[in-house]
mmCIF file of all heavy atoms, coordinates in Angstrom:
data_MODEL
# 
_entry.id   MODEL 
# 
loop_
_atom_site.group_PDB 
_atom_site.id 
_atom_site.type_symbol 
_atom_site.label_atom_id 
_atom_site.label_alt_id 
_atom_site.label_comp_id 
_atom_site.label_asym_id 
_atom_site.label_entity_id 
_atom_site.label_seq_id 
_atom_site.pdbx_PDB_ins_code 
_atom_site.Cartn_x 
_atom_site.Cartn_y 
_atom_site.Cartn_z 
_atom_site.occupancy 
_atom_site.B_iso_or_equiv 
_atom_site.pdbx_formal_charge 
_atom_site.auth_seq_id 
_atom_site.auth_comp_id 
_atom_site.auth_asym_id 
_atom_site.auth_atom_id 
_atom_site.pdbx_PDB_model_num 
ATOM 1   N N   . ASP A 1 1  ? -10.995 -25.361 11.496  1.00 0.00 ? 1  ASP A N   1 
ATOM 2   C CA  . ASP A 1 1  ? -12.129 -26.010 10.978  1.00 0.00 ? 1  ASP A CA  1 
ATOM 3   C C   . ASP A 1 1  ? -11.946 -26.475 9.472   1.00 0.00 ? 1  ASP A C   1 
ATOM 4   O O   . ASP A 1 1  ? -12.425 -25.788 8.617   1.00 0.00 ? 1  ASP A O   1 
ATOM 5   C CB  . ASP A 1 1  ? -13.323 -25.121 11.074  1.00 0.00 ? 1  ASP A CB  1 
ATOM 6   C CG  . ASP A 1 1  ? -14.699 -25.861 10.843  1.00 0.00 ? 1  ASP A CG  1 
ATOM 7   O OD1 . ASP A 1 1  ? -14.748 -26.920 10.322  1.00 0.00 ? 1  ASP A OD1 1 
ATOM 8   O OD2 . ASP A 1 1  ? -15.746 -25.316 11.381  1.00 0.00 ? 1  ASP A OD2 1 
ATOM 9   N N   . ARG A 1 2  ? -11.338 -27.608 9.272   1.00 0.00 ? 2  ARG A N   1 
ATOM 10  C CA  . ARG A 1 2  ? -11.134 -28.079 7.951   1.00 0.00 ? 2  ARG A CA  1 
ATOM 11  C C   . ARG A 1 2  ? -12.424 -28.278 7.133   1.00 0.00 ? 2  ARG A C   1 
ATOM 12  O O   . ARG A 1 2  ? -12.426 -28.035 5.935   1.00 0.00 ? 2  ARG A O   1 
ATOM 13  C CB  . ARG A 1 2  ? -10.266 -29.420 7.987   1.00 0.00 ? 2  ARG A CB  1 
ATOM 14  C CG  . ARG A 1 2  ? -9.908  -29.830 6.628   1.00 0.00 ? 2  ARG A CG  1 
ATOM 15  C CD  . ARG A 1 2  ? -9.107  -31.209 6.583   1.00 0.00 ? 2  ARG A CD  1 
ATOM 16  N NE  . ARG A 1 2  ? -8.662  -31.447 5.249   1.00 0.00 ? 2  ARG A NE  1 
ATOM 17  C CZ  . ARG A 1 2  ? -7.408  -31.487 4.769   1.00 0.00 ? 2  ARG A CZ  1 
ATOM 18  N NH1 . ARG A 1 2  ? -6.482  -31.187 5.627   1.00 0.00 ? 2  ARG A NH1 1 
ATOM 19  N NH2 . ARG A 1 2  ? -7.170  -31.793 3.575   1.00 0.00 ? 2  ARG A NH2 1 
ATOM 20  N N   . ARG A 1 3  ? -13.388 -28.824 7.838   1.00 0.00 ? 3  ARG A N   1 
ATOM 21  C CA  . ARG A 1 3  ? -14.687 -29.202 7.146   1.00 0.00 ? 3  ARG A CA  1 
ATOM 22  C C   . ARG A 1 3  ? -15.352 -28.020 6.567   1.00 0.00 ? 3  ARG A C   1 
ATOM 23  O O   . ARG A 1 3  ? -15.731 -27.972 5.421   1.00 0.00 ? 3  ARG A O   1 
ATOM 24  C CB  . ARG A 1 3  ? -15.678 -29.942 8.094   1.00 0.00 ? 3  ARG A CB  1 
ATOM 25  C CG  . ARG A 1 3  ? -16.898 -30.339 7.393   1.00 0.00 ? 3  ARG A CG  1 
ATOM 26  C CD  . ARG A 1 3  ? -17.869 -31.114 8.209   1.00 0.00 ? 3  ARG A CD  1 
ATOM 27  N NE  . ARG A 1 3  ? -19.082 -31.461 7.576   1.00 0.00 ? 3  ARG A NE  1 
ATOM 28  C CZ  . ARG A 1 3  ? -20.134 -32.086 8.060   1.00 0.00 ? 3  ARG A CZ  1 
ATOM 29  N NH1 . ARG A 1 3  ? -20.032 -32.433 9.402   1.00 0.00 ? 3  ARG A NH1 1 
ATOM 30  N NH2 . ARG A 1 3  ? -21.150 -32.393 7.470   1.00 0.00 ? 3  ARG A NH2 1 
ATOM 31  N N   . LEU A 1 4  ? -15.384 -26.812 7.344   1.00 0.00 ? 4  LEU A N   1 
ATOM 32  C CA  . LEU A 1 4  ? -15.937 -25.601 6.854   1.00 0.00 ? 4  LEU A CA  1 
ATOM 33  C C   . LEU A 1 4  ? -15.098 -25.117 5.713   1.00 0.00 ? 4  LEU A C   1 
ATOM 34  O O   . LEU A 1 4  ? -15.669 -24.639 4.715   1.00 0.00 ? 4  LEU A O   1 
ATOM 35  C CB  . LEU A 1 4  ? -16.097 -24.610 7.961   1.00 0.00 ? 4  LEU A CB  1 
ATOM 36  C CG  . LEU A 1 4  ? -16.663 -23.278 7.499   1.00 0.00 ? 4  LEU A CG  1 
ATOM 37  C CD1 . LEU A 1 4  ? -18.069 -23.439 6.874   1.00 0.00 ? 4  LEU A CD1 1 
ATOM 38  C CD2 . LEU A 1 4  ? -16.762 -22.293 8.703   1.00 0.00 ? 4  LEU A CD2 1 
ATOM 39  N N   . THR A 1 5  ? -13.793 -25.234 5.787   1.00 0.00 ? 5  THR A N   1 
ATOM 40  C CA  . THR A 1 5  ? -12.934 -24.767 4.642   1.00 0.00 ? 5  THR A CA  1 
ATOM 41  C C   . THR A 1 5  ? -13.258 -25.453 3.460   1.00 0.00 ? 5  THR A C   1 
ATOM 42  O O   . THR A 1 5  ? -13.400 -24.843 2.365   1.00 0.00 ? 5  THR A O   1 
ATOM 43  C CB  . THR A 1 5  ? -11.464 -24.915 5.146   1.00 0.00 ? 5  THR A CB  1 
ATOM 44  O OG1 . THR A 1 5  ? -11.249 -24.324 6.323   1.00 0.00 ? 5  THR A OG1 1 
ATOM 45  C CG2 . THR A 1 5  ? -10.578 -24.476 4.018   1.00 0.00 ? 5  THR A CG2 1 
ATOM 46  N N   . GLU A 1 6  ? -13.371 -26.758 3.559   1.00 0.00 ? 6  GLU A N   1 
ATOM 47  C CA  . GLU A 1 6  ? -13.715 -27.605 2.376   1.00 0.00 ? 6  GLU A CA  1 
ATOM 48  C C   . GLU A 1 6  ? -15.010 -27.244 1.732   1.00 0.00 ? 6  GLU A C   1 
ATOM 49  O O   . GLU A 1 6  ? -15.247 -27.162 0.520   1.00 0.00 ? 6  GLU A O   1 
ATOM 50  C CB  . GLU A 1 6  ? -13.549 -29.113 2.696   1.00 0.00 ? 6  GLU A CB  1 
ATOM 51  C CG  . GLU A 1 6  ? -12.097 -29.450 2.979   1.00 0.00 ? 6  GLU A CG  1 
ATOM 52  C CD  . GLU A 1 6  ? -12.003 -30.993 3.459   1.00 0.00 ? 6  GLU A CD  1 
ATOM 53  O OE1 . GLU A 1 6  ? -13.099 -31.471 3.867   1.00 0.00 ? 6  GLU A OE1 1 
ATOM 54  O OE2 . GLU A 1 6  ? -10.889 -31.435 3.462   1.00 0.00 ? 6  GLU A OE2 1 
ATOM 55  N N   . GLU A 1 7  ? -16.061 -27.039 2.638   1.00 0.00 ? 7  GLU A N   1 
ATOM 56  C CA  . GLU A 1 7  ? -17.423 -26.694 2.181   1.00 0.00 ? 7  GLU A CA  1 
ATOM 57  C C   . GLU A 1 7  ? -17.310 -25.304 1.469   1.00 0.00 ? 7  GLU A C   1 
ATOM 58  O O   . GLU A 1 7  ? -18.071 -25.190 0.357   1.00 0.00 ? 7  GLU A O   1 
ATOM 59  C CB  . GLU A 1 7  ? -18.336 -26.558 3.407   1.00 0.00 ? 7  GLU A CB  1 
ATOM 60  C CG  . GLU A 1 7  ? -18.656 -27.932 3.961   1.00 0.00 ? 7  GLU A CG  1 
ATOM 61  C CD  . GLU A 1 7  ? -19.818 -28.577 3.221   1.00 0.00 ? 7  GLU A CD  1 
ATOM 62  O OE1 . GLU A 1 7  ? -20.319 -28.040 2.207   1.00 0.00 ? 7  GLU A OE1 1 
ATOM 63  O OE2 . GLU A 1 7  ? -20.209 -29.740 3.659   1.00 0.00 ? 7  GLU A OE2 1 
ATOM 64  N N   . LEU A 1 8  ? -16.718 -24.371 1.951   1.00 0.00 ? 8  LEU A N   1 
ATOM 65  C CA  . LEU A 1 8  ? -16.662 -23.015 1.250   1.00 0.00 ? 8  LEU A CA  1 
ATOM 66  C C   . LEU A 1 8  ? -15.883 -23.168 0.008   1.00 0.00 ? 8  LEU A C   1 
ATOM 67  O O   . LEU A 1 8  ? -16.272 -22.440 -0.968  1.00 0.00 ? 8  LEU A O   1 
ATOM 68  C CB  . LEU A 1 8  ? -15.938 -22.017 2.205   1.00 0.00 ? 8  LEU A CB  1 
ATOM 69  C CG  . LEU A 1 8  ? -16.713 -21.684 3.584   1.00 0.00 ? 8  LEU A CG  1 
ATOM 70  C CD1 . LEU A 1 8  ? -15.900 -20.716 4.379   1.00 0.00 ? 8  LEU A CD1 1 
ATOM 71  C CD2 . LEU A 1 8  ? -18.091 -21.174 3.304   1.00 0.00 ? 8  LEU A CD2 1 
ATOM 72  N N   . LEU A 1 9  ? -14.902 -23.939 -0.092  1.00 0.00 ? 9  LEU A N   1 
ATOM 73  C CA  . LEU A 1 9  ? -14.204 -24.147 -1.355  1.00 0.00 ? 9  LEU A CA  1 
ATOM 74  C C   . LEU A 1 9  ? -15.046 -24.889 -2.445  1.00 0.00 ? 9  LEU A C   1 
ATOM 75  O O   . LEU A 1 9  ? -15.194 -24.467 -3.560  1.00 0.00 ? 9  LEU A O   1 
ATOM 76  C CB  . LEU A 1 9  ? -12.856 -24.990 -1.160  1.00 0.00 ? 9  LEU A CB  1 
ATOM 77  C CG  . LEU A 1 9  ? -11.791 -24.294 -0.397  1.00 0.00 ? 9  LEU A CG  1 
ATOM 78  C CD1 . LEU A 1 9  ? -10.675 -25.284 -0.082  1.00 0.00 ? 9  LEU A CD1 1 
ATOM 79  C CD2 . LEU A 1 9  ? -11.208 -23.119 -1.244  1.00 0.00 ? 9  LEU A CD2 1 
ATOM 80  N N   . GLU A 1 10 ? -15.776 -25.846 -1.895  1.00 0.00 ? 10 GLU A N   1 
ATOM 81  C CA  . GLU A 1 10 ? -16.622 -26.711 -2.846  1.00 0.00 ? 10 GLU A CA  1 
ATOM 82  C C   . GLU A 1 10 ? -17.828 -25.810 -3.374  1.00 0.00 ? 10 GLU A C   1 
ATOM 83  O O   . GLU A 1 10 ? -18.116 -25.956 -4.566  1.00 0.00 ? 10 GLU A O   1 
ATOM 84  C CB  . GLU A 1 10 ? -17.181 -27.906 -2.048  1.00 0.00 ? 10 GLU A CB  1 
ATOM 85  C CG  . GLU A 1 10 ? -18.034 -28.810 -2.972  1.00 0.00 ? 10 GLU A CG  1 
ATOM 86  C CD  . GLU A 1 10 ? -18.654 -29.995 -2.278  1.00 0.00 ? 10 GLU A CD  1 
ATOM 87  O OE1 . GLU A 1 10 ? -17.990 -30.432 -1.257  1.00 0.00 ? 10 GLU A OE1 1 
ATOM 88  O OE2 . GLU A 1 10 ? -19.604 -30.592 -2.719  1.00 0.00 ? 10 GLU A OE2 1 
ATOM 89  N N   . ARG A 1 11 ? -18.224 -25.018 -2.520  1.00 0.00 ? 11 ARG A N   1 
ATOM 90  C CA  . ARG A 1 11 ? -19.315 -24.076 -2.897  1.00 0.00 ? 11 ARG A CA  1 
ATOM 91  C C   . ARG A 1 11 ? -18.940 -22.849 -3.621  1.00 0.00 ? 11 ARG A C   1 
ATOM 92  O O   . ARG A 1 11 ? -19.763 -21.993 -3.898  1.00 0.00 ? 11 ARG A O   1 
ATOM 93  C CB  . ARG A 1 11 ? -20.266 -23.818 -1.676  1.00 0.00 ? 11 ARG A CB  1 
ATOM 94  C CG  . ARG A 1 11 ? -20.908 -24.978 -1.138  1.00 0.00 ? 11 ARG A CG  1 
ATOM 95  C CD  . ARG A 1 11 ? -21.595 -24.763 0.229   1.00 0.00 ? 11 ARG A CD  1 
ATOM 96  N NE  . ARG A 1 11 ? -22.032 -26.056 0.834   1.00 0.00 ? 11 ARG A NE  1 
ATOM 97  C CZ  . ARG A 1 11 ? -23.205 -26.727 0.538   1.00 0.00 ? 11 ARG A CZ  1 
ATOM 98  N NH1 . ARG A 1 11 ? -23.961 -26.115 -0.339  1.00 0.00 ? 11 ARG A NH1 1 
ATOM 99  N NH2 . ARG A 1 11 ? -23.494 -27.847 1.121   1.00 0.00 ? 11 ARG A NH2 1 
ATOM 100 N N   . ARG A 1 12 ? -17.645 -22.678 -3.763  1.00 0.00 ? 12 ARG A N   1 
ATOM 101 C CA  . ARG A 1 12 ? -17.065 -21.532 -4.548  1.00 0.00 ? 12 ARG A CA  1 
ATOM 102 C C   . ARG A 1 12 ? -17.457 -20.160 -3.899  1.00 0.00 ? 12 ARG A C   1 
ATOM 103 O O   . ARG A 1 12 ? -17.849 -19.256 -4.589  1.00 0.00 ? 12 ARG A O   1 
ATOM 104 C CB  . ARG A 1 12 ? -17.411 -21.713 -5.974  1.00 0.00 ? 12 ARG A CB  1 
ATOM 105 C CG  . ARG A 1 12 ? -16.931 -23.056 -6.575  1.00 0.00 ? 12 ARG A CG  1 
ATOM 106 C CD  . ARG A 1 12 ? -17.324 -23.052 -8.050  1.00 0.00 ? 12 ARG A CD  1 
ATOM 107 N NE  . ARG A 1 12 ? -16.581 -22.024 -8.881  1.00 0.00 ? 12 ARG A NE  1 
ATOM 108 C CZ  . ARG A 1 12 ? -15.328 -22.192 -9.324  1.00 0.00 ? 12 ARG A CZ  1 
ATOM 109 N NH1 . ARG A 1 12 ? -14.588 -23.262 -9.101  1.00 0.00 ? 12 ARG A NH1 1 
ATOM 110 N NH2 . ARG A 1 12 ? -14.799 -21.212 -10.030 1.00 0.00 ? 12 ARG A NH2 1 
ATOM 111 N N   . VAL A 1 13 ? -17.271 -20.075 -2.539  1.00 0.00 ? 13 VAL A N   1 
ATOM 112 C CA  . VAL A 1 13 ? -17.800 -18.984 -1.943  1.00 0.00 ? 13 VAL A CA  1 
ATOM 113 C C   . VAL A 1 13 ? -16.625 -17.906 -1.862  1.00 0.00 ? 13 VAL A C   1 
ATOM 114 O O   . VAL A 1 13 ? -15.435 -18.233 -1.807  1.00 0.00 ? 13 VAL A O   1 
ATOM 115 C CB  . VAL A 1 13 ? -18.151 -19.293 -0.452  1.00 0.00 ? 13 VAL A CB  1 
ATOM 116 C CG1 . VAL A 1 13 ? -18.400 -18.114 0.435   1.00 0.00 ? 13 VAL A CG1 1 
ATOM 117 C CG2 . VAL A 1 13 ? -19.392 -20.264 -0.424  1.00 0.00 ? 13 VAL A CG2 1 
ATOM 118 N N   . LYS A 1 14 ? -16.997 -16.656 -1.864  1.00 0.00 ? 14 LYS A N   1 
ATOM 119 C CA  . LYS A 1 14 ? -15.966 -15.539 -1.596  1.00 0.00 ? 14 LYS A CA  1 
ATOM 120 C C   . LYS A 1 14 ? -16.070 -15.265 -0.138  1.00 0.00 ? 14 LYS A C   1 
ATOM 121 O O   . LYS A 1 14 ? -16.929 -14.450 0.274   1.00 0.00 ? 14 LYS A O   1 
ATOM 122 C CB  . LYS A 1 14 ? -16.325 -14.282 -2.436  1.00 0.00 ? 14 LYS A CB  1 
ATOM 123 C CG  . LYS A 1 14 ? -16.238 -14.656 -3.968  1.00 0.00 ? 14 LYS A CG  1 
ATOM 124 C CD  . LYS A 1 14 ? -16.709 -13.427 -4.795  1.00 0.00 ? 14 LYS A CD  1 
ATOM 125 C CE  . LYS A 1 14 ? -16.669 -13.749 -6.275  1.00 0.00 ? 14 LYS A CE  1 
ATOM 126 N NZ  . LYS A 1 14 ? -17.149 -12.570 -7.154  1.00 0.00 ? 14 LYS A NZ  1 
ATOM 127 N N   . ALA A 1 15 ? -15.254 -15.924 0.631   1.00 0.00 ? 15 ALA A N   1 
ATOM 128 C CA  . ALA A 1 15 ? -15.230 -15.806 2.132   1.00 0.00 ? 15 ALA A CA  1 
ATOM 129 C C   . ALA A 1 15 ? -14.312 -14.752 2.642   1.00 0.00 ? 15 ALA A C   1 
ATOM 130 O O   . ALA A 1 15 ? -13.067 -15.003 2.408   1.00 0.00 ? 15 ALA A O   1 
ATOM 131 C CB  . ALA A 1 15 ? -15.006 -17.164 2.707   1.00 0.00 ? 15 ALA A CB  1 
ATOM 132 N N   . VAL A 1 16 ? -14.714 -13.769 3.340   1.00 0.00 ? 16 VAL A N   1 
ATOM 133 C CA  . VAL A 1 16 ? -13.970 -12.732 3.897   1.00 0.00 ? 16 VAL A CA  1 
ATOM 134 C C   . VAL A 1 16 ? -13.910 -12.858 5.395   1.00 0.00 ? 16 VAL A C   1 
ATOM 135 O O   . VAL A 1 16 ? -14.959 -12.624 5.999   1.00 0.00 ? 16 VAL A O   1 
ATOM 136 C CB  . VAL A 1 16 ? -14.345 -11.318 3.413   1.00 0.00 ? 16 VAL A CB  1 
ATOM 137 C CG1 . VAL A 1 16 ? -13.384 -10.207 3.971   1.00 0.00 ? 16 VAL A CG1 1 
ATOM 138 C CG2 . VAL A 1 16 ? -14.472 -11.203 1.904   1.00 0.00 ? 16 VAL A CG2 1 
ATOM 139 N N   . ALA A 1 17 ? -12.774 -13.151 6.008   1.00 0.00 ? 17 ALA A N   1 
ATOM 140 C CA  . ALA A 1 17 ? -12.666 -13.402 7.475   1.00 0.00 ? 17 ALA A CA  1 
ATOM 141 C C   . ALA A 1 17 ? -12.238 -12.138 8.146   1.00 0.00 ? 17 ALA A C   1 
ATOM 142 O O   . ALA A 1 17 ? -11.157 -11.584 7.853   1.00 0.00 ? 17 ALA A O   1 
ATOM 143 C CB  . ALA A 1 17 ? -11.752 -14.523 7.659   1.00 0.00 ? 17 ALA A CB  1 
ATOM 144 N N   . TYR A 1 18 ? -13.106 -11.669 9.091   1.00 0.00 ? 18 TYR A N   1 
ATOM 145 C CA  . TYR A 1 18 ? -12.759 -10.609 9.884   1.00 0.00 ? 18 TYR A CA  1 
ATOM 146 C C   . TYR A 1 18 ? -11.342 -10.652 10.428  1.00 0.00 ? 18 TYR A C   1 
ATOM 147 O O   . TYR A 1 18 ? -10.620 -9.691  10.507  1.00 0.00 ? 18 TYR A O   1 
ATOM 148 C CB  . TYR A 1 18 ? -13.790 -10.375 11.083  1.00 0.00 ? 18 TYR A CB  1 
ATOM 149 C CG  . TYR A 1 18 ? -15.163 -10.072 10.748  1.00 0.00 ? 18 TYR A CG  1 
ATOM 150 C CD1 . TYR A 1 18 ? -16.217 -10.338 11.666  1.00 0.00 ? 18 TYR A CD1 1 
ATOM 151 C CD2 . TYR A 1 18 ? -15.545 -9.538  9.547   1.00 0.00 ? 18 TYR A CD2 1 
ATOM 152 C CE1 . TYR A 1 18 ? -17.507 -9.934  11.393  1.00 0.00 ? 18 TYR A CE1 1 
ATOM 153 C CE2 . TYR A 1 18 ? -16.829 -9.162  9.221   1.00 0.00 ? 18 TYR A CE2 1 
ATOM 154 C CZ  . TYR A 1 18 ? -17.799 -9.397  10.176  1.00 0.00 ? 18 TYR A CZ  1 
ATOM 155 O OH  . TYR A 1 18 ? -19.160 -9.100  9.961   1.00 0.00 ? 18 TYR A OH  1 
ATOM 156 N N   . GLU A 1 19 ? -10.982 -11.925 10.989  1.00 0.00 ? 19 GLU A N   1 
ATOM 157 C CA  . GLU A 1 19 ? -9.802  -12.037 11.800  1.00 0.00 ? 19 GLU A CA  1 
ATOM 158 C C   . GLU A 1 19 ? -8.519  -11.967 11.055  1.00 0.00 ? 19 GLU A C   1 
ATOM 159 O O   . GLU A 1 19 ? -7.452  -12.005 11.649  1.00 0.00 ? 19 GLU A O   1 
ATOM 160 C CB  . GLU A 1 19 ? -9.895  -13.379 12.597  1.00 0.00 ? 19 GLU A CB  1 
ATOM 161 C CG  . GLU A 1 19 ? -9.678  -14.658 11.806  1.00 0.00 ? 19 GLU A CG  1 
ATOM 162 C CD  . GLU A 1 19 ? -11.058 -15.125 11.233  1.00 0.00 ? 19 GLU A CD  1 
ATOM 163 O OE1 . GLU A 1 19 ? -12.097 -14.449 11.258  1.00 0.00 ? 19 GLU A OE1 1 
ATOM 164 O OE2 . GLU A 1 19 ? -10.978 -16.274 10.682  1.00 0.00 ? 19 GLU A OE2 1 
ATOM 165 N N   . THR A 1 20 ? -8.536  -11.989 9.679   1.00 0.00 ? 20 THR A N   1 
ATOM 166 C CA  . THR A 1 20 ? -7.279  -11.947 8.875   1.00 0.00 ? 20 THR A CA  1 
ATOM 167 C C   . THR A 1 20 ? -7.199  -10.561 8.198   1.00 0.00 ? 20 THR A C   1 
ATOM 168 O O   . THR A 1 20 ? -6.122  -10.472 7.444   1.00 0.00 ? 20 THR A O   1 
ATOM 169 C CB  . THR A 1 20 ? -7.161  -13.086 7.980   1.00 0.00 ? 20 THR A CB  1 
ATOM 170 O OG1 . THR A 1 20 ? -8.240  -13.164 7.090   1.00 0.00 ? 20 THR A OG1 1 
ATOM 171 C CG2 . THR A 1 20 ? -7.129  -14.409 8.802   1.00 0.00 ? 20 THR A CG2 1 
ATOM 172 N N   . ILE A 1 21 ? -8.172  -9.704  8.221   1.00 0.00 ? 21 ILE A N   1 
ATOM 173 C CA  . ILE A 1 21 ? -7.961  -8.373  7.654   1.00 0.00 ? 21 ILE A CA  1 
ATOM 174 C C   . ILE A 1 21 ? -6.991  -7.593  8.446   1.00 0.00 ? 21 ILE A C   1 
ATOM 175 O O   . ILE A 1 21 ? -7.054  -7.670  9.619   1.00 0.00 ? 21 ILE A O   1 
ATOM 176 C CB  . ILE A 1 21 ? -9.309  -7.650  7.556   1.00 0.00 ? 21 ILE A CB  1 
ATOM 177 C CG1 . ILE A 1 21 ? -10.224 -8.385  6.542   1.00 0.00 ? 21 ILE A CG1 1 
ATOM 178 C CG2 . ILE A 1 21 ? -9.137  -6.179  7.164   1.00 0.00 ? 21 ILE A CG2 1 
ATOM 179 C CD1 . ILE A 1 21 ? -11.689 -7.737  6.473   1.00 0.00 ? 21 ILE A CD1 1 
ATOM 180 N N   . ARG A 1 22 ? -6.095  -6.940  7.762   1.00 0.00 ? 22 ARG A N   1 
ATOM 181 C CA  . ARG A 1 22 ? -5.087  -6.134  8.471   1.00 0.00 ? 22 ARG A CA  1 
ATOM 182 C C   . ARG A 1 22 ? -5.205  -4.605  8.073   1.00 0.00 ? 22 ARG A C   1 
ATOM 183 O O   . ARG A 1 22 ? -5.544  -4.305  6.880   1.00 0.00 ? 22 ARG A O   1 
ATOM 184 C CB  . ARG A 1 22 ? -3.745  -6.598  8.135   1.00 0.00 ? 22 ARG A CB  1 
ATOM 185 C CG  . ARG A 1 22 ? -3.335  -7.981  8.777   1.00 0.00 ? 22 ARG A CG  1 
ATOM 186 C CD  . ARG A 1 22 ? -1.891  -8.330  8.602   1.00 0.00 ? 22 ARG A CD  1 
ATOM 187 N NE  . ARG A 1 22 ? -1.561  -9.564  9.242   1.00 0.00 ? 22 ARG A NE  1 
ATOM 188 C CZ  . ARG A 1 22 ? -1.160  -9.695  10.491  1.00 0.00 ? 22 ARG A CZ  1 
ATOM 189 N NH1 . ARG A 1 22 ? -1.017  -8.541  11.236  1.00 0.00 ? 22 ARG A NH1 1 
ATOM 190 N NH2 . ARG A 1 22 ? -0.819  -10.858 11.048  1.00 0.00 ? 22 ARG A NH2 1 
ATOM 191 N N   . ASP A 1 23 ? -4.774  -3.679  8.964   1.00 0.00 ? 23 ASP A N   1 
ATOM 192 C CA  . ASP A 1 23 ? -4.724  -2.327  8.700   1.00 0.00 ? 23 ASP A CA  1 
ATOM 193 C C   . ASP A 1 23 ? -3.402  -1.946  8.137   1.00 0.00 ? 23 ASP A C   1 
ATOM 194 O O   . ASP A 1 23 ? -2.447  -2.845  8.008   1.00 0.00 ? 23 ASP A O   1 
ATOM 195 C CB  . ASP A 1 23 ? -5.228  -1.502  9.781   1.00 0.00 ? 23 ASP A CB  1 
ATOM 196 C CG  . ASP A 1 23 ? -4.306  -1.688  11.040  1.00 0.00 ? 23 ASP A CG  1 
ATOM 197 O OD1 . ASP A 1 23 ? -3.149  -2.125  10.908  1.00 0.00 ? 23 ASP A OD1 1 
ATOM 198 O OD2 . ASP A 1 23 ? -4.784  -1.460  12.216  1.00 0.00 ? 23 ASP A OD2 1 
ATOM 199 N N   . ALA A 1 24 ? -3.185  -0.579  7.844   1.00 0.00 ? 24 ALA A N   1 
ATOM 200 C CA  . ALA A 1 24 ? -1.919  -0.181  7.318   1.00 0.00 ? 24 ALA A CA  1 
ATOM 201 C C   . ALA A 1 24 ? -0.743  -0.404  8.227   1.00 0.00 ? 24 ALA A C   1 
ATOM 202 O O   . ALA A 1 24 ? 0.362   -0.561  7.730   1.00 0.00 ? 24 ALA A O   1 
ATOM 203 C CB  . ALA A 1 24 ? -2.061  1.314   7.020   1.00 0.00 ? 24 ALA A CB  1 
ATOM 204 N N   . ALA A 1 25 ? -0.950  -0.470  9.503   1.00 0.00 ? 25 ALA A N   1 
ATOM 205 C CA  . ALA A 1 25 ? 0.147   -0.676  10.489  1.00 0.00 ? 25 ALA A CA  1 
ATOM 206 C C   . ALA A 1 25 ? 0.363   -2.122  10.735  1.00 0.00 ? 25 ALA A C   1 
ATOM 207 O O   . ALA A 1 25 ? 1.172   -2.481  11.551  1.00 0.00 ? 25 ALA A O   1 
ATOM 208 C CB  . ALA A 1 25 ? -0.233  -0.011  11.748  1.00 0.00 ? 25 ALA A CB  1 
ATOM 209 N N   . GLY A 1 26 ? -0.412  -3.004  10.016  1.00 0.00 ? 26 GLY A N   1 
ATOM 210 C CA  . GLY A 1 26 ? -0.228  -4.535  10.257  1.00 0.00 ? 26 GLY A CA  1 
ATOM 211 C C   . GLY A 1 26 ? -1.032  -5.034  11.428  1.00 0.00 ? 26 GLY A C   1 
ATOM 212 O O   . GLY A 1 26 ? -0.962  -6.247  11.705  1.00 0.00 ? 26 GLY A O   1 
ATOM 213 N N   . GLY A 1 27 ? -1.885  -4.178  11.962  1.00 0.00 ? 27 GLY A N   1 
ATOM 214 C CA  . GLY A 1 27 ? -2.804  -4.643  13.049  1.00 0.00 ? 27 GLY A CA  1 
ATOM 215 C C   . GLY A 1 27 ? -4.051  -5.462  12.518  1.00 0.00 ? 27 GLY A C   1 
ATOM 216 O O   . GLY A 1 27 ? -4.185  -5.597  11.332  1.00 0.00 ? 27 GLY A O   1 
ATOM 217 N N   . LEU A 1 28 ? -4.786  -5.932  13.440  1.00 0.00 ? 28 LEU A N   1 
ATOM 218 C CA  . LEU A 1 28 ? -6.016  -6.738  13.082  1.00 0.00 ? 28 LEU A CA  1 
ATOM 219 C C   . LEU A 1 28 ? -7.203  -5.810  13.531  1.00 0.00 ? 28 LEU A C   1 
ATOM 220 O O   . LEU A 1 28 ? -7.794  -6.122  14.642  1.00 0.00 ? 28 LEU A O   1 
ATOM 221 C CB  . LEU A 1 28 ? -5.972  -8.044  13.798  1.00 0.00 ? 28 LEU A CB  1 
ATOM 222 C CG  . LEU A 1 28 ? -4.721  -8.895  13.388  1.00 0.00 ? 28 LEU A CG  1 
ATOM 223 C CD1 . LEU A 1 28 ? -4.577  -10.122 14.349  1.00 0.00 ? 28 LEU A CD1 1 
ATOM 224 C CD2 . LEU A 1 28 ? -4.811  -9.404  11.974  1.00 0.00 ? 28 LEU A CD2 1 
# 
């Protein structure tokens, strides 16, 4: 979703995505 990416950048949001957080073993 490029549009949402650009919106979050323009609005200077601190966006934390569940799907890219990793644990100590490298899992999701």
